[in-house]
Amino acid sequence: MKTVIDLPDATFRQARAMASARGMTLKQFVTEALEERLRLCPVETRNDRVEAPWMAGFGALSDIAEENRQVLQLIEEEFEQFSGEDLHKSAP
């Protein structure tokens, strides 16, 4: 998509120089910079709330919810094998 962006002269010159130094076109440089900024900014959720960037990681872990439940169940089963007397014996 084409668009027009009005940049301060100094910003334009600096961006063009950095793009050239990296062997990139200005379009590639600006696109990469904008994509990076978008990754760092809060994301709107379905409820039109703003979500902090670090919260995105929690959704990425939703696929391990079942595995997490199984691990917690195994831990519970192991602790059920100890009686209160066993726990007091090991204490100093």
PDB file of N, CA and C in Angstrom:
ATOM      1  N   MET A   1       0.841  -1.164   0.000  1.00  0.00           N
ATOM      2  CA  MET A   1       0.000   0.000   0.000  1.00  0.00           C
ATOM      3  C   MET A   1       0.893   1.236   0.000  1.00  0.00           C
ATOM      4  N   LYS A   2       0.506   2.194  -0.742  1.00  0.00           N
ATOM      5  CA  LYS A   2       1.266   3.437  -0.786  1.00  0.00           C
ATOM      6  C   LYS A   2       0.614   4.451   0.132  1.00  0.00           C
ATOM      7  N   THR A   3       1.464   5.246   0.783  1.00  0.00           N
ATOM      8  CA  THR A   3       0.982   6.317   1.647  1.00  0.00           C
ATOM      9  C   THR A   3       2.019   7.432   1.659  1.00  0.00           C
ATOM     10  N   VAL A   4       1.623   8.571   2.122  1.00  0.00           N
ATOM     11  CA  VAL A   4       2.530   9.711   2.230  1.00  0.00           C
ATOM     12  C   VAL A   4       2.701  10.020   3.709  1.00  0.00           C
ATOM     13  N   ILE A   5       3.950  10.137   4.123  1.00  0.00           N
ATOM     14  CA  ILE A   5       4.265  10.466   5.507  1.00  0.00           C
ATOM     15  C   ILE A   5       5.139  11.708   5.503  1.00  0.00           C
ATOM     16  N   ASP A   6       4.757  12.696   6.278  1.00  0.00           N
ATOM     17  CA  ASP A   6       5.518  13.934   6.380  1.00  0.00           C
ATOM     18  C   ASP A   6       6.483  13.801   7.548  1.00  0.00           C
ATOM     19  N   LEU A   7       7.774  13.694   7.246  1.00  0.00           N
ATOM     20  CA  LEU A   7       8.807  13.542   8.268  1.00  0.00           C
ATOM     21  C   LEU A   7       9.635  14.808   8.379  1.00  0.00           C
ATOM     22  N   PRO A   8      10.146  15.078   9.573  1.00  0.00           N
ATOM     23  CA  PRO A   8      11.093  16.187   9.686  1.00  0.00           C
ATOM     24  C   PRO A   8      12.322  15.882   8.820  1.00  0.00           C
ATOM     25  N   ASP A   9      12.923  16.921   8.236  1.00  0.00           N
ATOM     26  CA  ASP A   9      14.065  16.735   7.341  1.00  0.00           C
ATOM     27  C   ASP A   9      15.193  15.943   7.994  1.00  0.00           C
ATOM     28  N   ALA A  10      15.504  16.269   9.233  1.00  0.00           N
ATOM     29  CA  ALA A  10      16.610  15.589   9.924  1.00  0.00           C
ATOM     30  C   ALA A  10      16.309  14.103  10.107  1.00  0.00           C
ATOM     31  N   THR A  11      15.065  13.768  10.430  1.00  0.00           N
ATOM     32  CA  THR A  11      14.679  12.360  10.613  1.00  0.00           C
ATOM     33  C   THR A  11      14.773  11.620   9.285  1.00  0.00           C
ATOM     34  N   PHE A  12      14.304  12.253   8.219  1.00  0.00           N
ATOM     35  CA  PHE A  12      14.362  11.633   6.897  1.00  0.00           C
ATOM     36  C   PHE A  12      15.812  11.362   6.490  1.00  0.00           C
ATOM     37  N   ARG A  13      16.675  12.352   6.667  1.00  0.00           N
ATOM     38  CA  ARG A  13      18.085  12.178   6.286  1.00  0.00           C
ATOM     39  C   ARG A  13      18.746  11.067   7.093  1.00  0.00           C
ATOM     40  N   GLN A  14      18.454  11.034   8.397  1.00  0.00           N
ATOM     41  CA  GLN A  14      19.045  10.007   9.255  1.00  0.00           C
ATOM     42  C   GLN A  14      18.534   8.612   8.855  1.00  0.00           C
ATOM     43  N   ALA A  15      17.252   8.480   8.588  1.00  0.00           N
ATOM     44  CA  ALA A  15      16.686   7.196   8.179  1.00  0.00           C
ATOM     45  C   ALA A  15      17.264   6.752   6.839  1.00  0.00           C
ATOM     46  N   ARG A  16      17.372   7.679   5.899  1.00  0.00           N
ATOM     47  CA  ARG A  16      17.927   7.342   4.583  1.00  0.00           C
ATOM     48  C   ARG A  16      19.386   6.909   4.714  1.00  0.00           C
ATOM     49  N   ALA A  17      20.154   7.595   5.568  1.00  0.00           N
ATOM     50  CA  ALA A  17      21.563   7.251   5.768  1.00  0.00           C
ATOM     51  C   ALA A  17      21.703   5.881   6.431  1.00  0.00           C
ATOM     52  N   MET A  18      20.869   5.607   7.437  1.00  0.00           N
ATOM     53  CA  MET A  18      20.928   4.302   8.109  1.00  0.00           C
ATOM     54  C   MET A  18      20.528   3.173   7.165  1.00  0.00           C
ATOM     55  N   ALA A  19      19.508   3.405   6.367  1.00  0.00           N
ATOM     56  CA  ALA A  19      19.074   2.393   5.411  1.00  0.00           C
ATOM     57  C   ALA A  19      20.188   2.090   4.421  1.00  0.00           C
ATOM     58  N   SER A  20      20.813   3.137   3.931  1.00  0.00           N
ATOM     59  CA  SER A  20      21.905   2.979   2.970  1.00  0.00           C
ATOM     60  C   SER A  20      23.078   2.233   3.600  1.00  0.00           C
ATOM     61  N   ALA A  21      23.410   2.568   4.838  1.00  0.00           N
ATOM     62  CA  ALA A  21      24.524   1.910   5.525  1.00  0.00           C
ATOM     63  C   ALA A  21      24.261   0.424   5.735  1.00  0.00           C
ATOM     64  N   ARG A  22      23.002   0.057   5.835  1.00  0.00           N
ATOM     65  CA  ARG A  22      22.630  -1.350   6.022  1.00  0.00           C
ATOM     66  C   ARG A  22      22.337  -2.060   4.710  1.00  0.00           C
ATOM     67  N   GLY A  23      22.473  -1.342   3.617  1.00  0.00           N
ATOM     68  CA  GLY A  23      22.210  -1.944   2.304  1.00  0.00           C
ATOM     69  C   GLY A  23      20.731  -2.193   2.057  1.00  0.00           C
ATOM     70  N   MET A  24      19.897  -1.354   2.644  1.00  0.00           N
ATOM     71  CA  MET A  24      18.450  -1.498   2.522  1.00  0.00           C
ATOM     72  C   MET A  24      17.878  -0.295   1.784  1.00  0.00           C
ATOM     73  N   THR A  25      16.699  -0.497   1.225  1.00  0.00           N
ATOM     74  CA  THR A  25      15.985   0.647   0.676  1.00  0.00           C
ATOM     75  C   THR A  25      15.339   1.385   1.849  1.00  0.00           C
ATOM     76  N   LEU A  26      14.975   2.624   1.624  1.00  0.00           N
ATOM     77  CA  LEU A  26      14.297   3.391   2.662  1.00  0.00           C
ATOM     78  C   LEU A  26      12.973   2.715   3.016  1.00  0.00           C
ATOM     79  N   LYS A  27      12.291   2.177   2.020  1.00  0.00           N
ATOM     80  CA  LYS A  27      11.026   1.468   2.260  1.00  0.00           C
ATOM     81  C   LYS A  27      11.246   0.279   3.194  1.00  0.00           C
ATOM     82  N   GLN A  28      12.280  -0.517   2.930  1.00  0.00           N
ATOM     83  CA  GLN A  28      12.570  -1.668   3.788  1.00  0.00           C
ATOM     84  C   GLN A  28      12.893  -1.215   5.210  1.00  0.00           C
ATOM     85  N   PHE A  29      13.706  -0.168   5.316  1.00  0.00           N
ATOM     86  CA  PHE A  29      14.115   0.339   6.625  1.00  0.00           C
ATOM     87  C   PHE A  29      12.913   0.832   7.428  1.00  0.00           C
ATOM     88  N   VAL A  30      12.072   1.646   6.804  1.00  0.00           N
ATOM     89  CA  VAL A  30      10.903   2.191   7.491  1.00  0.00           C
ATOM     90  C   VAL A  30       9.930   1.072   7.862  1.00  0.00           C
ATOM     91  N   THR A  31       9.731   0.123   6.969  1.00  0.00           N
ATOM     92  CA  THR A  31       8.838  -1.001   7.255  1.00  0.00           C
ATOM     93  C   THR A  31       9.342  -1.796   8.455  1.00  0.00           C
ATOM     94  N   GLU A  32      10.643  -2.093   8.468  1.00  0.00           N
ATOM     95  CA  GLU A  32      11.234  -2.850   9.572  1.00  0.00           C
ATOM     96  C   GLU A  32      11.109  -2.076  10.887  1.00  0.00           C
ATOM     97  N   ALA A  33      11.378  -0.779  10.845  1.00  0.00           N
ATOM     98  CA  ALA A  33      11.295   0.050  12.050  1.00  0.00           C
ATOM     99  C   ALA A  33       9.859   0.113  12.569  1.00  0.00           C
ATOM    100  N   LEU A  34       8.908   0.261  11.674  1.00  0.00           N
ATOM    101  CA  LEU A  34       7.507   0.333  12.069  1.00  0.00           C
ATOM    102  C   LEU A  34       7.031  -1.002  12.633  1.00  0.00           C
ATOM    103  N   GLU A  35       7.425  -2.112  12.013  1.00  0.00           N
ATOM    104  CA  GLU A  35       7.049  -3.436  12.520  1.00  0.00           C
ATOM    105  C   GLU A  35       7.621  -3.672  13.915  1.00  0.00           C
ATOM    106  N   GLU A  36       8.857  -3.244  14.138  1.00  0.00           N
ATOM    107  CA  GLU A  36       9.474  -3.385  15.457  1.00  0.00           C
ATOM    108  C   GLU A  36       8.707  -2.577  16.492  1.00  0.00           C
ATOM    109  N   ARG A  37       8.361  -1.369  16.140  1.00  0.00           N
ATOM    110  CA  ARG A  37       7.601  -0.512  17.064  1.00  0.00           C
ATOM    111  C   ARG A  37       6.237  -1.113  17.379  1.00  0.00           C
ATOM    112  N   LEU A  38       5.595  -1.688  16.384  1.00  0.00           N
ATOM    113  CA  LEU A  38       4.291  -2.305  16.594  1.00  0.00           C
ATOM    114  C   LEU A  38       4.388  -3.518  17.522  1.00  0.00           C
ATOM    115  N   ARG A  39       5.484  -4.264  17.429  1.00  0.00           N
ATOM    116  CA  ARG A  39       5.684  -5.410  18.329  1.00  0.00           C
ATOM    117  C   ARG A  39       5.838  -4.949  19.769  1.00  0.00           C
ATOM    118  N   LEU A  40       6.431  -3.783  19.975  1.00  0.00           N
ATOM    119  CA  LEU A  40       6.688  -3.287  21.323  1.00  0.00           C
ATOM    120  C   LEU A  40       5.502  -2.564  21.952  1.00  0.00           C
ATOM    121  N   CYS A  41       4.584  -2.093  21.137  1.00  0.00           N
ATOM    122  CA  CYS A  41       3.442  -1.328  21.642  1.00  0.00           C
ATOM    123  C   CYS A  41       2.359  -2.259  22.153  1.00  0.00           C
ATOM    124  N   PRO A  42       1.529  -1.769  23.082  1.00  0.00           N
ATOM    125  CA  PRO A  42       0.396  -2.563  23.557  1.00  0.00           C
ATOM    126  C   PRO A  42      -0.520  -2.946  22.397  1.00  0.00           C
ATOM    127  N   VAL A  43      -1.149  -4.082  22.547  1.00  0.00           N
ATOM    128  CA  VAL A  43      -2.028  -4.613  21.510  1.00  0.00           C
ATOM    129  C   VAL A  43      -3.467  -4.511  21.990  1.00  0.00           C
ATOM    130  N   GLU A  44      -4.376  -4.106  21.111  1.00  0.00           N
ATOM    131  CA  GLU A  44      -5.791  -4.073  21.473  1.00  0.00           C
ATOM    132  C   GLU A  44      -6.322  -5.491  21.462  1.00  0.00           C
ATOM    133  N   THR A  45      -7.083  -5.836  22.485  1.00  0.00           N
ATOM    134  CA  THR A  45      -7.680  -7.158  22.563  1.00  0.00           C
ATOM    135  C   THR A  45      -9.093  -7.105  22.017  1.00  0.00           C
ATOM    136  N   ARG A  46      -9.762  -8.239  22.024  1.00  0.00           N
ATOM    137  CA  ARG A  46     -11.123  -8.304  21.494  1.00  0.00           C
ATOM    138  C   ARG A  46     -12.080  -7.398  22.270  1.00  0.00           C
ATOM    139  N   ASN A  47     -11.823  -7.208  23.544  1.00  0.00           N
ATOM    140  CA  ASN A  47     -12.699  -6.390  24.374  1.00  0.00           C
ATOM    141  C   ASN A  47     -12.342  -4.907  24.304  1.00  0.00           C
ATOM    142  N   ASP A  48     -11.546  -4.531  23.322  1.00  0.00           N
ATOM    143  CA  ASP A  48     -11.089  -3.153  23.143  1.00  0.00           C
ATOM    144  C   ASP A  48     -10.289  -2.646  24.335  1.00  0.00           C
ATOM    145  N   ARG A  49      -9.714  -3.572  25.103  1.00  0.00           N
ATOM    146  CA  ARG A  49      -8.812  -3.183  26.180  1.00  0.00           C
ATOM    147  C   ARG A  49      -7.405  -3.200  25.625  1.00  0.00           C
ATOM    148  N   VAL A  50      -6.533  -2.448  26.248  1.00  0.00           N
ATOM    149  CA  VAL A  50      -5.137  -2.448  25.828  1.00  0.00           C
ATOM    150  C   VAL A  50      -4.400  -3.485  26.657  1.00  0.00           C
ATOM    151  N   GLU A  51      -3.655  -4.331  25.972  1.00  0.00           N
ATOM    152  CA  GLU A  51      -2.915  -5.401  26.623  1.00  0.00           C
ATOM    153  C   GLU A  51      -1.434  -5.072  26.620  1.00  0.00           C
ATOM    154  N   ALA A  52      -0.786  -5.228  27.749  1.00  0.00           N
ATOM    155  CA  ALA A  52       0.653  -4.988  27.828  1.00  0.00           C
ATOM    156  C   ALA A  52       1.386  -5.992  26.944  1.00  0.00           C
ATOM    157  N   PRO A  53       2.510  -5.589  26.337  1.00  0.00           N
ATOM    158  CA  PRO A  53       3.233  -6.500  25.435  1.00  0.00           C
ATOM    159  C   PRO A  53       3.641  -7.812  26.093  1.00  0.00           C
ATOM    160  N   TRP A  54       4.002  -7.777  27.378  1.00  0.00           N
ATOM    161  CA  TRP A  54       4.439  -9.008  28.028  1.00  0.00           C
ATOM    162  C   TRP A  54       3.300 -10.003  28.196  1.00  0.00           C
ATOM    163  N   MET A  55       2.049  -9.535  28.133  1.00  0.00           N
ATOM    164  CA  MET A  55       0.909 -10.432  28.271  1.00  0.00           C
ATOM    165  C   MET A  55       0.739 -11.330  27.050  1.00  0.00           C
ATOM    166  N   ALA A  56       1.260 -10.935  25.925  1.00  0.00           N
ATOM    167  CA  ALA A  56       1.132 -11.745  24.709  1.00  0.00           C
ATOM    168  C   ALA A  56       1.739 -13.124  24.904  1.00  0.00           C
ATOM    169  N   GLY A  57       2.777 -13.213  25.705  1.00  0.00           N
ATOM    170  CA  GLY A  57       3.422 -14.500  25.964  1.00  0.00           C
ATOM    171  C   GLY A  57       2.525 -15.488  26.663  1.00  0.00           C
ATOM    172  N   PHE A  58       1.615 -15.005  27.503  1.00  0.00           N
ATOM    173  CA  PHE A  58       0.738 -15.915  28.223  1.00  0.00           C
ATOM    174  C   PHE A  58      -0.212 -16.634  27.266  1.00  0.00           C
ATOM    175  N   GLY A  59      -0.702 -15.940  26.274  1.00  0.00           N
ATOM    176  CA  GLY A  59      -1.566 -16.586  25.293  1.00  0.00           C
ATOM    177  C   GLY A  59      -0.809 -17.627  24.480  1.00  0.00           C
ATOM    178  N   ALA A  60       0.481 -17.371  24.271  1.00  0.00           N
ATOM    179  CA  ALA A  60       1.294 -18.310  23.506  1.00  0.00           C
ATOM    180  C   ALA A  60       1.492 -19.615  24.259  1.00  0.00           C
ATOM    181  N   LEU A  61       1.293 -19.604  25.569  1.00  0.00           N
ATOM    182  CA  LEU A  61       1.481 -20.805  26.375  1.00  0.00           C
ATOM    183  C   LEU A  61       0.187 -21.590  26.560  1.00  0.00           C
ATOM    184  N   SER A  62      -0.910 -21.139  25.987  1.00  0.00           N
ATOM    185  CA  SER A  62      -2.182 -21.810  26.197  1.00  0.00           C
ATOM    186  C   SER A  62      -2.175 -23.249  25.695  1.00  0.00           C
ATOM    187  N   ASP A  63      -1.318 -23.565  24.747  1.00  0.00           N
ATOM    188  CA  ASP A  63      -1.274 -24.920  24.214  1.00  0.00           C
ATOM    189  C   ASP A  63      -0.671 -25.925  25.197  1.00  0.00           C
ATOM    190  N   ILE A  64      -0.051 -25.464  26.279  1.00  0.00           N
ATOM    191  CA  ILE A  64       0.510 -26.392  27.258  1.00  0.00           C
ATOM    192  C   ILE A  64      -0.373 -26.498  28.496  1.00  0.00           C
ATOM    193  N   ALA A  65      -1.580 -25.962  28.449  1.00  0.00           N
ATOM    194  CA  ALA A  65      -2.474 -25.990  29.603  1.00  0.00           C
ATOM    195  C   ALA A  65      -2.756 -27.424  30.042  1.00  0.00           C
ATOM    196  N   GLU A  66      -3.002 -28.319  29.124  1.00  0.00           N
ATOM    197  CA  GLU A  66      -3.288 -29.718  29.458  1.00  0.00           C
ATOM    198  C   GLU A  66      -2.060 -30.372  30.084  1.00  0.00           C
ATOM    199  N   GLU A  67      -0.900 -30.140  29.527  1.00  0.00           N
ATOM    200  CA  GLU A  67       0.334 -30.691  30.088  1.00  0.00           C
ATOM    201  C   GLU A  67       0.562 -30.151  31.498  1.00  0.00           C
ATOM    202  N   ASN A  68       0.319 -28.875  31.687  1.00  0.00           N
ATOM    203  CA  ASN A  68       0.472 -28.258  33.005  1.00  0.00           C
ATOM    204  C   ASN A  68      -0.487 -28.912  34.005  1.00  0.00           C
ATOM    205  N   ARG A  69      -1.731 -29.153  33.596  1.00  0.00           N
ATOM    206  CA  ARG A  69      -2.710 -29.799  34.465  1.00  0.00           C
ATOM    207  C   ARG A  69      -2.231 -31.191  34.858  1.00  0.00           C
ATOM    208  N   GLN A  70      -1.670 -31.936  33.913  1.00  0.00           N
ATOM    209  CA  GLN A  70      -1.177 -33.283  34.196  1.00  0.00           C
ATOM    210  C   GLN A  70      -0.013 -33.255  35.182  1.00  0.00           C
ATOM    211  N   VAL A  71       0.894 -32.318  35.015  1.00  0.00           N
ATOM    212  CA  VAL A  71       2.038 -32.204  35.926  1.00  0.00           C
ATOM    213  C   VAL A  71       1.551 -31.876  37.332  1.00  0.00           C
ATOM    214  N   LEU A  72       0.619 -30.937  37.447  1.00  0.00           N
ATOM    215  CA  LEU A  72       0.083 -30.581  38.765  1.00  0.00           C
ATOM    216  C   LEU A  72      -0.624 -31.764  39.416  1.00  0.00           C
ATOM    217  N   GLN A  73      -1.330 -32.562  38.615  1.00  0.00           N
ATOM    218  CA  GLN A  73      -1.996 -33.752  39.129  1.00  0.00           C
ATOM    219  C   GLN A  73      -0.976 -34.755  39.663  1.00  0.00           C
ATOM    220  N   LEU A  74       0.122 -34.969  38.940  1.00  0.00           N
ATOM    221  CA  LEU A  74       1.172 -35.878  39.400  1.00  0.00           C
ATOM    222  C   LEU A  74       1.797 -35.393  40.707  1.00  0.00           C
ATOM    223  N   ILE A  75       2.000 -34.099  40.829  1.00  0.00           N
ATOM    224  CA  ILE A  75       2.550 -33.534  42.064  1.00  0.00           C
ATOM    225  C   ILE A  75       1.592 -33.787  43.228  1.00  0.00           C
ATOM    226  N   GLU A  76       0.298 -33.539  43.000  1.00  0.00           N
ATOM    227  CA  GLU A  76      -0.708 -33.791  44.034  1.00  0.00           C
ATOM    228  C   GLU A  76      -0.682 -35.251  44.470  1.00  0.00           C
ATOM    229  N   GLU A  77      -0.619 -36.168  43.504  1.00  0.00           N
ATOM    230  CA  GLU A  77      -0.610 -37.592  43.821  1.00  0.00           C
ATOM    231  C   GLU A  77       0.610 -37.966  44.658  1.00  0.00           C
ATOM    232  N   GLU A  78       1.747 -37.387  44.346  1.00  0.00           N
ATOM    233  CA  GLU A  78       2.961 -37.673  45.108  1.00  0.00           C
ATOM    234  C   GLU A  78       2.842 -37.167  46.543  1.00  0.00           C
ATOM    235  N   PHE A  79       2.300 -35.963  46.724  1.00  0.00           N
ATOM    236  CA  PHE A  79       2.175 -35.418  48.068  1.00  0.00           C
ATOM    237  C   PHE A  79       1.134 -36.166  48.890  1.00  0.00           C
ATOM    238  N   GLU A  80       0.133 -36.750  48.237  1.00  0.00           N
ATOM    239  CA  GLU A  80      -0.867 -37.530  48.953  1.00  0.00           C
ATOM    240  C   GLU A  80      -0.262 -38.783  49.572  1.00  0.00           C
ATOM    241  N   GLN A  81       0.883 -39.236  49.062  1.00  0.00           N
ATOM    242  CA  GLN A  81       1.522 -40.445  49.580  1.00  0.00           C
ATOM    243  C   GLN A  81       2.211 -40.195  50.919  1.00  0.00           C
ATOM    244  N   PHE A  82       2.469 -38.961  51.269  1.00  0.00           N
ATOM    245  CA  PHE A  82       3.121 -38.634  52.536  1.00  0.00           C
ATOM    246  C   PHE A  82       2.070 -38.391  53.603  1.00  0.00           C
ATOM    247  N   SER A  83       2.289 -38.949  54.754  1.00  0.00           N
ATOM    248  CA  SER A  83       1.406 -38.653  55.875  1.00  0.00           C
ATOM    249  C   SER A  83       2.001 -37.477  56.645  1.00  0.00           C
ATOM    250  N   GLY A  84       1.244 -36.888  57.525  1.00  0.00           N
ATOM    251  CA  GLY A  84       1.742 -35.800  58.347  1.00  0.00           C
ATOM    252  C   GLY A  84       2.925 -36.248  59.186  1.00  0.00           C
ATOM    253  N   GLU A  85       2.899 -37.519  59.623  1.00  0.00           N
ATOM    254  CA  GLU A  85       3.997 -38.061  60.426  1.00  0.00           C
ATOM    255  C   GLU A  85       5.290 -38.103  59.618  1.00  0.00           C
ATOM    256  N   ASP A  86       5.212 -38.472  58.348  1.00  0.00           N
ATOM    257  CA  ASP A  86       6.388 -38.515  57.487  1.00  0.00           C
ATOM    258  C   ASP A  86       7.026 -37.128  57.362  1.00  0.00           C
ATOM    259  N   LEU A  87       6.212 -36.125  57.267  1.00  0.00           N
ATOM    260  CA  LEU A  87       6.719 -34.773  57.105  1.00  0.00           C
ATOM    261  C   LEU A  87       7.423 -34.292  58.359  1.00  0.00           C
ATOM    262  N   HIS A  88       6.909 -34.659  59.537  1.00  0.00           N
ATOM    263  CA  HIS A  88       7.529 -34.237  60.794  1.00  0.00           C
ATOM    264  C   HIS A  88       8.846 -34.957  61.053  1.00  0.00           C
ATOM    265  N   LYS A  89       8.970 -36.203  60.564  1.00  0.00           N
ATOM    266  CA  LYS A  89      10.207 -36.971  60.750  1.00  0.00           C
ATOM    267  C   LYS A  89      11.369 -36.315  60.013  1.00  0.00           C
ATOM    268  N   SER A  90      11.108 -35.772  58.852  1.00  0.00           N
ATOM    269  CA  SER A  90      12.192 -35.194  58.047  1.00  0.00           C
ATOM    270  C   SER A  90      12.585 -33.801  58.513  1.00  0.00           C
ATOM    271  N   ALA A  91      11.760 -33.171  59.352  1.00  0.00           N
ATOM    272  CA  ALA A  91      12.078 -31.817  59.818  1.00  0.00           C
ATOM    273  C   ALA A  91      13.170 -31.883  60.885  1.00  0.00           C
ATOM    274  N   PRO A  92      14.110 -30.907  60.923  1.00  0.00           N
ATOM    275  CA  PRO A  92      15.198 -30.916  61.915  1.00  0.00           C
ATOM    276  C   PRO A  92      14.714 -30.656  63.322  1.00  0.00           C
TER     277      PRO A  92
END
